């Protein structure tokens, strides 16, 4: 008679901590949490990269395409998503060194400021200040609800000592639990919890131009990054800020952007590009896809900073590299909603 041999359990070692066992078809993240390990995470669905870790030894089966979230540099270095990786052998992983990680702050939802028909700025006052780099994001959860946490990018730069009040640009997602809760009128003055600071999207040192491309609520981390840059020598770097929107009604935060541009010490071009503006409207600006505004002259010596829907970012990367921008000079944060199983 044939018998079934019990599959040998694989183990995971995180940094220099003791090994723990992983069940069949269990991800690195779920196993770590089951064993009480404080593994950074948020969506647990391959949509935020909060659980990014570096695979040092062993093999894993990856459930989704990590290139949606990780850059080529990360993939070349062996980074994986803990929530999407099932060990196929004993593995060793390292967590990224993030001195700002593992901050926890509770706060109160104080304001909901409509910006477009489906995007609002929410303002949260915190019990304790949070420190973060402009461009990073937080995992936000609503206390006393069963809603899963979601990740949102900080919309403004923080003081060096930390921000006591933070803002996020939140797009209402049809059927999205967290976005609809944050934008519901009866959620005002409710308590929320923030875990931060997450992500590695922030300004890098250089002297060349900044080519920034935003789609939808992807303006938030770029605005924060440029606000932070205005307080440093980066204010002397030329900026092209391309903003993709459907119609004129979807362009927002123009006054703040122009105020920021007036403080800049180098050329600062703000270029909205509309994809669905009626042909007979009074719009005299650019039409089409925002990526069509990526011209060779804007790419010369530039660093790219891209935030928005994954298809926009993928197209922008292809165009920029075709114009001579090195792939390791392009940084991005892909925003995806729950319909794509990510944020």
Protein backbone atom coordinates (compact mmCIF):
# COMPACT_ATOMS: atom_id res chain seq x y z
CA UNK A 1 0.00 0.00 0.00
CA UNK A 2 1.05 3.53 -0.68
CA UNK A 3 1.34 5.91 2.23
CA UNK A 4 1.65 9.66 2.53
CA UNK A 5 4.72 10.99 4.22
CA UNK A 6 4.27 14.10 6.21
CA UNK A 7 5.82 17.10 4.52
CA UNK A 8 8.84 18.37 6.40
CA UNK A 9 8.15 21.80 7.84
CA UNK A 10 10.33 24.56 6.54
CA UNK A 11 11.72 27.24 8.82
CA UNK A 12 12.23 30.97 8.58
CA UNK A 13 14.96 33.04 10.19
CA UNK A 14 14.37 36.81 10.35
CA UNK A 15 17.51 38.87 10.90
CA UNK A 16 19.33 37.17 13.81
CA UNK A 17 16.21 35.93 15.63
CA UNK A 18 15.53 32.23 16.33
CA UNK A 19 14.05 30.15 13.53
CA UNK A 20 10.33 29.34 13.50
CA UNK A 21 8.33 26.78 11.52
CA UNK A 22 6.08 27.54 8.57
CA UNK A 23 2.95 25.53 7.83
CA UNK A 24 2.13 24.23 4.36
CA UNK A 25 1.11 27.07 2.01
CA UNK A 26 1.73 29.63 4.76
CA UNK A 27 3.40 32.90 3.80
CA UNK A 28 6.47 34.28 5.51
CA UNK A 29 4.39 37.13 6.95
CA UNK A 30 1.55 34.98 8.31
CA UNK A 31 3.99 32.56 9.89
CA UNK A 32 5.91 35.41 11.50
CA UNK A 33 2.73 36.92 12.93
CA UNK A 34 1.51 33.54 14.16
CA UNK A 35 4.74 33.14 16.09
CA UNK A 36 4.42 36.60 17.61
CA UNK A 37 7.09 38.28 15.53
CA UNK A 38 6.56 42.01 14.94
CA UNK A 39 6.88 41.84 11.16
CA UNK A 40 6.03 45.17 9.44
CA UNK A 41 2.86 44.84 7.37
CA UNK A 42 -0.38 46.52 6.43
CA UNK A 43 -2.64 45.24 3.65
CA UNK A 44 -1.46 41.57 3.66
CA UNK A 45 -2.57 41.40 0.01
CA UNK A 46 0.52 42.38 -1.95
CA UNK A 47 -0.50 45.99 -2.29
CA UNK A 48 1.63 48.20 -0.05
CA UNK A 49 5.16 46.75 0.23
CA UNK A 50 5.15 47.34 3.98
CA UNK A 51 6.25 43.70 4.41
CA UNK A 52 9.16 43.96 1.99
CA UNK A 53 12.15 41.88 3.07
CA UNK A 54 15.37 40.62 1.53
CA UNK A 55 15.69 36.92 0.78
CA UNK A 56 19.21 35.92 1.82
CA UNK A 57 18.94 32.12 1.70
CA UNK A 58 16.41 29.62 0.42
CA UNK A 59 13.59 29.60 -2.10
CA UNK A 60 10.03 30.93 -2.03
CA UNK A 61 6.99 30.67 -4.27
CA UNK A 62 5.64 34.13 -4.99
CA UNK A 63 1.87 34.47 -5.32
CA UNK A 64 1.81 37.75 -7.24
CA UNK A 65 4.02 39.85 -9.49
CA UNK A 66 6.18 41.88 -7.10
CA UNK A 67 7.32 44.23 -9.89
CA UNK A 68 4.03 46.08 -9.38
CA UNK A 69 5.51 47.44 -6.16
CA UNK A 70 9.25 46.83 -6.09
CA UNK A 71 11.76 48.61 -8.27
CA UNK A 72 14.40 46.87 -10.33
CA UNK A 73 17.08 47.69 -7.77
CA UNK A 74 15.09 45.94 -5.03
CA UNK A 75 14.36 42.91 -7.19
CA UNK A 76 18.00 42.60 -8.21
CA UNK A 77 18.91 42.66 -4.51
CA UNK A 78 16.53 39.77 -3.80
CA UNK A 79 13.71 41.62 -2.06
CA UNK A 80 10.35 39.85 -1.77
CA UNK A 81 6.95 40.62 -0.29
CA UNK A 82 6.50 38.67 2.94
CA UNK A 83 2.74 38.42 2.48
CA UNK A 84 3.09 36.92 -1.00
CA UNK A 85 5.98 34.51 -0.44
CA UNK A 86 5.54 30.85 0.56
CA UNK A 87 8.79 29.13 1.59
CA UNK A 88 9.82 26.18 -0.55
CA UNK A 89 12.85 25.48 1.66
CA UNK A 90 14.33 26.85 4.85
CA UNK A 91 14.75 30.57 4.30
CA UNK A 92 16.60 33.48 5.84
CA UNK A 93 15.30 37.02 5.35
CA UNK A 94 16.44 40.45 6.45
CA UNK A 95 14.12 43.35 7.19
CA UNK A 96 15.08 46.75 5.75
CA UNK A 97 16.71 49.09 8.24
CA UNK A 98 14.22 51.90 8.77
CA UNK A 99 14.97 54.12 11.79
CA UNK A 100 11.52 55.70 11.48
CA UNK A 101 9.62 52.40 11.41
CA UNK A 102 7.51 50.96 14.21
CA UNK A 103 6.05 54.26 15.37
CA UNK A 104 2.49 53.96 16.62
CA UNK A 105 0.28 56.96 17.21
CA UNK A 106 -3.44 57.32 17.92
CA UNK A 107 -5.33 60.37 16.79
CA UNK A 108 -8.68 61.95 15.98
CA UNK A 109 -10.14 62.56 12.53
CA UNK A 110 -10.70 66.32 12.57
CA UNK A 111 -11.41 67.45 9.00
CA UNK A 112 -12.61 66.15 5.63
CA UNK A 113 -11.90 68.72 2.91
CA UNK A 114 -13.34 67.91 -0.54
CA UNK A 115 -10.80 68.42 -3.32
CA UNK A 116 -12.55 66.75 -6.28
CA UNK A 117 -15.70 64.69 -6.73
CA UNK A 118 -13.93 61.62 -5.32
CA UNK A 119 -10.80 62.88 -3.50
CA UNK A 120 -10.75 64.64 -0.14
CA UNK A 121 -8.02 65.75 2.21
CA UNK A 122 -8.44 64.31 5.67
CA UNK A 123 -6.73 65.89 8.64
CA UNK A 124 -5.87 63.90 11.76
CA UNK A 125 -4.67 65.38 15.04
CA UNK A 126 -2.32 62.98 16.83
CA UNK A 127 -1.83 62.29 20.51
CA UNK A 128 1.90 61.87 19.87
CA UNK A 129 3.92 63.33 16.98
CA UNK A 130 5.04 61.16 14.08
CA UNK A 131 8.36 61.50 12.30
CA UNK A 132 8.60 60.61 8.64
CA UNK A 133 10.40 61.49 5.45
CA UNK A 134 8.31 63.47 2.95
CA UNK A 135 7.06 60.87 0.49
CA UNK A 136 6.53 58.07 3.00
CA UNK A 137 3.17 56.69 4.08
CA UNK A 138 1.30 55.35 7.08
CA UNK A 139 -0.96 52.39 7.70
CA UNK A 140 -4.27 53.84 8.92
CA UNK A 141 -6.92 51.90 10.81
CA UNK A 142 -10.20 52.92 12.39
CA UNK A 143 -10.40 52.01 16.05
CA UNK A 144 -13.43 50.09 17.25
CA UNK A 145 -14.23 48.80 13.74
CA UNK A 146 -13.42 45.60 11.95
CA UNK A 147 -12.16 47.40 8.86
CA UNK A 148 -8.75 46.36 7.56
CA UNK A 149 -6.02 49.00 7.69
CA UNK A 150 -5.10 50.83 4.51
CA UNK A 151 -1.99 52.76 3.53
CA UNK A 152 -2.04 56.46 2.66
CA UNK A 153 0.82 58.81 1.83
CA UNK A 154 1.46 61.86 3.95
CA UNK A 155 0.38 64.94 1.97
CA UNK A 156 2.64 67.45 3.69
CA UNK A 157 6.19 67.57 5.01
CA UNK A 158 6.72 67.16 8.76
CA UNK A 159 8.78 69.30 11.14
CA UNK A 160 12.04 67.72 12.20
CA UNK A 161 10.59 66.92 15.64
CA UNK A 162 7.57 65.22 14.07
CA UNK A 163 4.07 66.19 13.01
CA UNK A 164 1.30 66.58 15.57
CA UNK A 165 -1.22 66.93 12.74
CA UNK A 166 -1.08 64.96 9.49
CA UNK A 167 -3.02 65.01 6.23
CA UNK A 168 -3.77 62.43 3.57
CA UNK A 169 -5.44 62.69 0.17
CA UNK A 170 -8.04 59.91 0.14
CA UNK A 171 -9.87 58.79 -2.98
CA UNK A 172 -13.27 57.24 -2.44
CA UNK A 173 -13.14 53.66 -3.74
CA UNK A 174 -16.51 52.07 -4.65
CA UNK A 175 -16.97 49.36 -2.06
CA UNK A 176 -13.77 50.39 -0.30
CA UNK A 177 -14.28 50.02 3.44
CA UNK A 178 -11.54 52.28 4.77
CA UNK A 179 -11.79 55.08 2.19
CA UNK A 180 -15.56 55.34 2.61
CA UNK A 181 -15.22 55.31 6.40
CA UNK A 182 -12.62 58.09 6.37
CA UNK A 183 -14.83 60.24 4.13
CA UNK A 184 -18.15 59.58 5.93
CA UNK A 185 -19.49 62.59 7.82
CA UNK A 186 -20.23 60.54 10.94
CA UNK A 187 -16.55 59.52 11.15
CA UNK A 188 -15.52 63.03 12.18
CA UNK A 189 -14.00 63.10 15.67
CA UNK A 190 -13.63 59.30 15.61
CA UNK A 191 -10.36 57.73 16.72
CA UNK A 192 -7.81 56.26 14.34
CA UNK A 193 -4.47 54.51 14.69
CA UNK A 194 -1.43 55.17 12.53
CA UNK A 195 1.61 52.95 12.07
CA UNK A 196 4.53 54.68 10.40
CA UNK A 197 6.74 55.55 8.73
CA UNK A 198 6.52 53.15 5.80
CA UNK A 199 8.02 53.07 2.35
CA UNK A 200 11.24 54.24 0.77
CA UNK A 201 9.84 56.90 -1.51
CA UNK A 202 11.67 60.12 -0.67
CA UNK A 203 13.97 62.64 -2.30
CA UNK A 204 17.50 61.45 -3.10
CA UNK A 205 20.55 63.70 -3.13
CA UNK A 206 21.54 64.98 -6.57
CA UNK A 207 21.89 68.23 -8.46
CA UNK A 208 19.87 67.51 -11.59
CA UNK A 209 16.25 68.32 -12.46
CA UNK A 210 13.28 66.64 -10.81
CA UNK A 211 10.69 65.09 -13.11
CA UNK A 212 7.62 64.43 -10.94
CA UNK A 213 4.53 62.71 -12.33
CA UNK A 214 1.30 62.37 -10.34
CA UNK A 215 -1.97 60.64 -11.06
CA UNK A 216 -5.06 61.06 -8.85
CA UNK A 217 -4.27 61.01 -5.14
CA UNK A 218 -0.64 60.30 -6.08
CA UNK A 219 -0.10 64.03 -5.77
CA UNK A 220 0.14 63.65 -1.97
CA UNK A 221 3.66 62.19 -1.61
CA UNK A 222 5.03 64.41 -4.36
CA UNK A 223 3.61 67.52 -2.71
CA UNK A 224 5.10 66.46 0.63
CA UNK A 225 8.44 65.73 -1.01
CA UNK A 226 8.56 69.10 -2.76
CA UNK A 227 7.52 70.92 0.43
CA UNK A 228 10.40 69.25 2.21
CA UNK A 229 12.79 70.01 -0.65
CA UNK A 230 11.86 73.70 -0.49
CA UNK A 231 13.51 73.85 2.93
CA UNK A 232 16.82 72.46 1.63
CA UNK A 233 19.34 73.16 -1.12
CA UNK A 234 17.12 71.03 -3.41
CA UNK A 235 15.11 74.22 -3.92
CA UNK A 236 17.73 75.03 -6.55
CA UNK A 237 16.88 72.00 -8.70
CA UNK A 238 14.57 72.57 -11.71
CA UNK A 239 11.17 70.89 -11.33
CA UNK A 240 8.64 69.58 -13.82
CA UNK A 241 5.46 68.49 -12.06
CA UNK A 242 3.14 66.67 -14.45
CA UNK A 243 -0.34 65.95 -13.11
CA UNK A 244 -2.68 63.58 -14.87
CA UNK A 245 -6.43 64.11 -14.45
CA UNK A 246 -9.62 63.38 -16.33
CA UNK A 247 -11.19 66.85 -16.53
CA UNK A 248 -10.63 70.36 -15.18
CA UNK A 249 -12.77 69.45 -12.16
CA UNK A 250 -10.21 66.79 -11.23
CA UNK A 251 -7.30 69.23 -10.93
CA UNK A 252 -6.80 70.19 -7.30
CA UNK A 253 -4.39 71.92 -4.94
CA UNK A 254 -3.33 74.37 -7.68
CA UNK A 255 -3.03 77.37 -5.35
CA UNK A 256 -0.73 75.49 -2.98
CA UNK A 257 1.37 74.25 -5.88
CA UNK A 258 1.74 77.74 -7.31
CA UNK A 259 2.64 79.09 -3.87
CA UNK A 260 5.32 76.42 -3.63
CA UNK A 261 6.56 77.31 -7.11
CA UNK A 262 6.87 80.96 -6.11
CA UNK A 263 9.33 79.94 -3.38
CA UNK A 264 11.44 77.85 -5.74
CA UNK A 265 14.89 79.13 -6.72
CA UNK A 266 14.96 77.33 -10.09
CA UNK A 267 12.40 76.85 -12.89
CA UNK A 268 9.25 75.12 -11.63
CA UNK A 269 6.78 73.97 -14.28
CA UNK A 270 3.37 72.68 -13.26
CA UNK A 271 1.67 70.93 -16.17
CA UNK A 272 -1.82 69.42 -15.76
CA UNK A 273 -2.75 66.98 -18.51
CA UNK A 274 -6.42 66.07 -19.07
CA UNK A 275 -7.46 62.77 -20.61
CA UNK A 276 -11.27 63.19 -20.79
CA UNK A 277 -11.87 66.93 -21.02
CA UNK A 278 -14.76 67.68 -23.44
CA UNK A 279 -13.47 68.79 -26.83
CA UNK A 280 -15.62 71.94 -26.82
CA UNK A 281 -14.53 73.17 -23.36
CA UNK A 282 -12.48 76.29 -22.65
CA UNK A 283 -9.44 74.23 -21.60
CA UNK A 284 -6.32 75.49 -23.40
CA UNK A 285 -3.80 73.25 -21.64
CA UNK A 286 -2.49 69.83 -22.56
CA UNK A 287 -4.78 66.95 -23.38
CA UNK A 288 -4.19 63.22 -23.56
CA UNK A 289 -2.27 60.94 -21.22
CA UNK A 290 0.06 62.53 -18.73
CA UNK A 291 2.89 60.30 -19.94
CA UNK A 292 2.67 62.01 -23.35
CA UNK A 293 4.02 65.15 -21.68
CA UNK A 294 7.31 63.40 -20.85
CA UNK A 295 9.58 65.05 -23.39
CA UNK A 296 13.28 64.32 -24.02
CA UNK A 297 14.34 67.74 -22.76
CA UNK A 298 12.66 67.16 -19.39
CA UNK A 299 14.59 63.89 -19.02
CA UNK A 300 18.10 65.25 -19.50
CA UNK A 301 20.02 64.60 -16.27
CA UNK A 302 16.74 64.13 -14.39
CA UNK A 303 15.64 62.01 -11.47
CA UNK A 304 12.11 60.67 -11.82
CA UNK A 305 9.57 60.53 -9.01
CA UNK A 306 6.30 58.84 -9.98
CA UNK A 307 3.12 58.33 -7.94
CA UNK A 308 -0.21 57.06 -9.15
CA UNK A 309 -1.88 54.11 -10.90
CA UNK A 310 0.44 51.22 -11.86
CA UNK A 311 -0.25 51.47 -15.64
CA UNK A 312 0.70 55.16 -15.59
CA UNK A 313 3.93 54.44 -13.74
CA UNK A 314 4.88 51.52 -16.00
CA UNK A 315 4.30 53.66 -19.09
CA UNK A 316 6.25 56.58 -17.61
CA UNK A 317 9.23 54.36 -16.78
CA UNK A 318 9.31 53.01 -20.34
CA UNK A 319 9.24 56.50 -21.84
CA UNK A 320 11.80 57.95 -19.45
CA UNK A 321 14.28 55.13 -19.96
CA UNK A 322 13.83 55.47 -23.73
CA UNK A 323 14.85 59.11 -23.31
CA UNK A 324 18.02 58.13 -21.48
CA UNK A 325 17.02 58.23 -17.81
CA UNK A 326 18.76 55.42 -15.92
CA UNK A 327 16.35 53.00 -14.26
CA UNK A 328 18.11 53.50 -10.92
CA UNK A 329 17.32 57.23 -11.14
CA UNK A 330 13.55 56.56 -11.20
CA UNK A 331 11.65 56.16 -7.93
CA UNK A 332 7.97 55.34 -7.69
CA UNK A 333 5.05 54.54 -5.43
CA UNK A 334 2.25 52.63 -7.15
CA UNK A 335 -1.26 53.39 -5.91
CA UNK A 336 -3.78 50.61 -6.53
CA UNK A 337 -7.24 50.15 -5.05
CA UNK A 338 -8.95 47.08 -3.66
CA UNK A 339 -10.27 46.11 -7.07
CA UNK A 340 -6.69 45.12 -7.86
CA UNK A 341 -6.27 43.50 -4.41
CA UNK A 342 -3.95 46.30 -3.44
CA UNK A 343 -4.27 49.78 -2.01
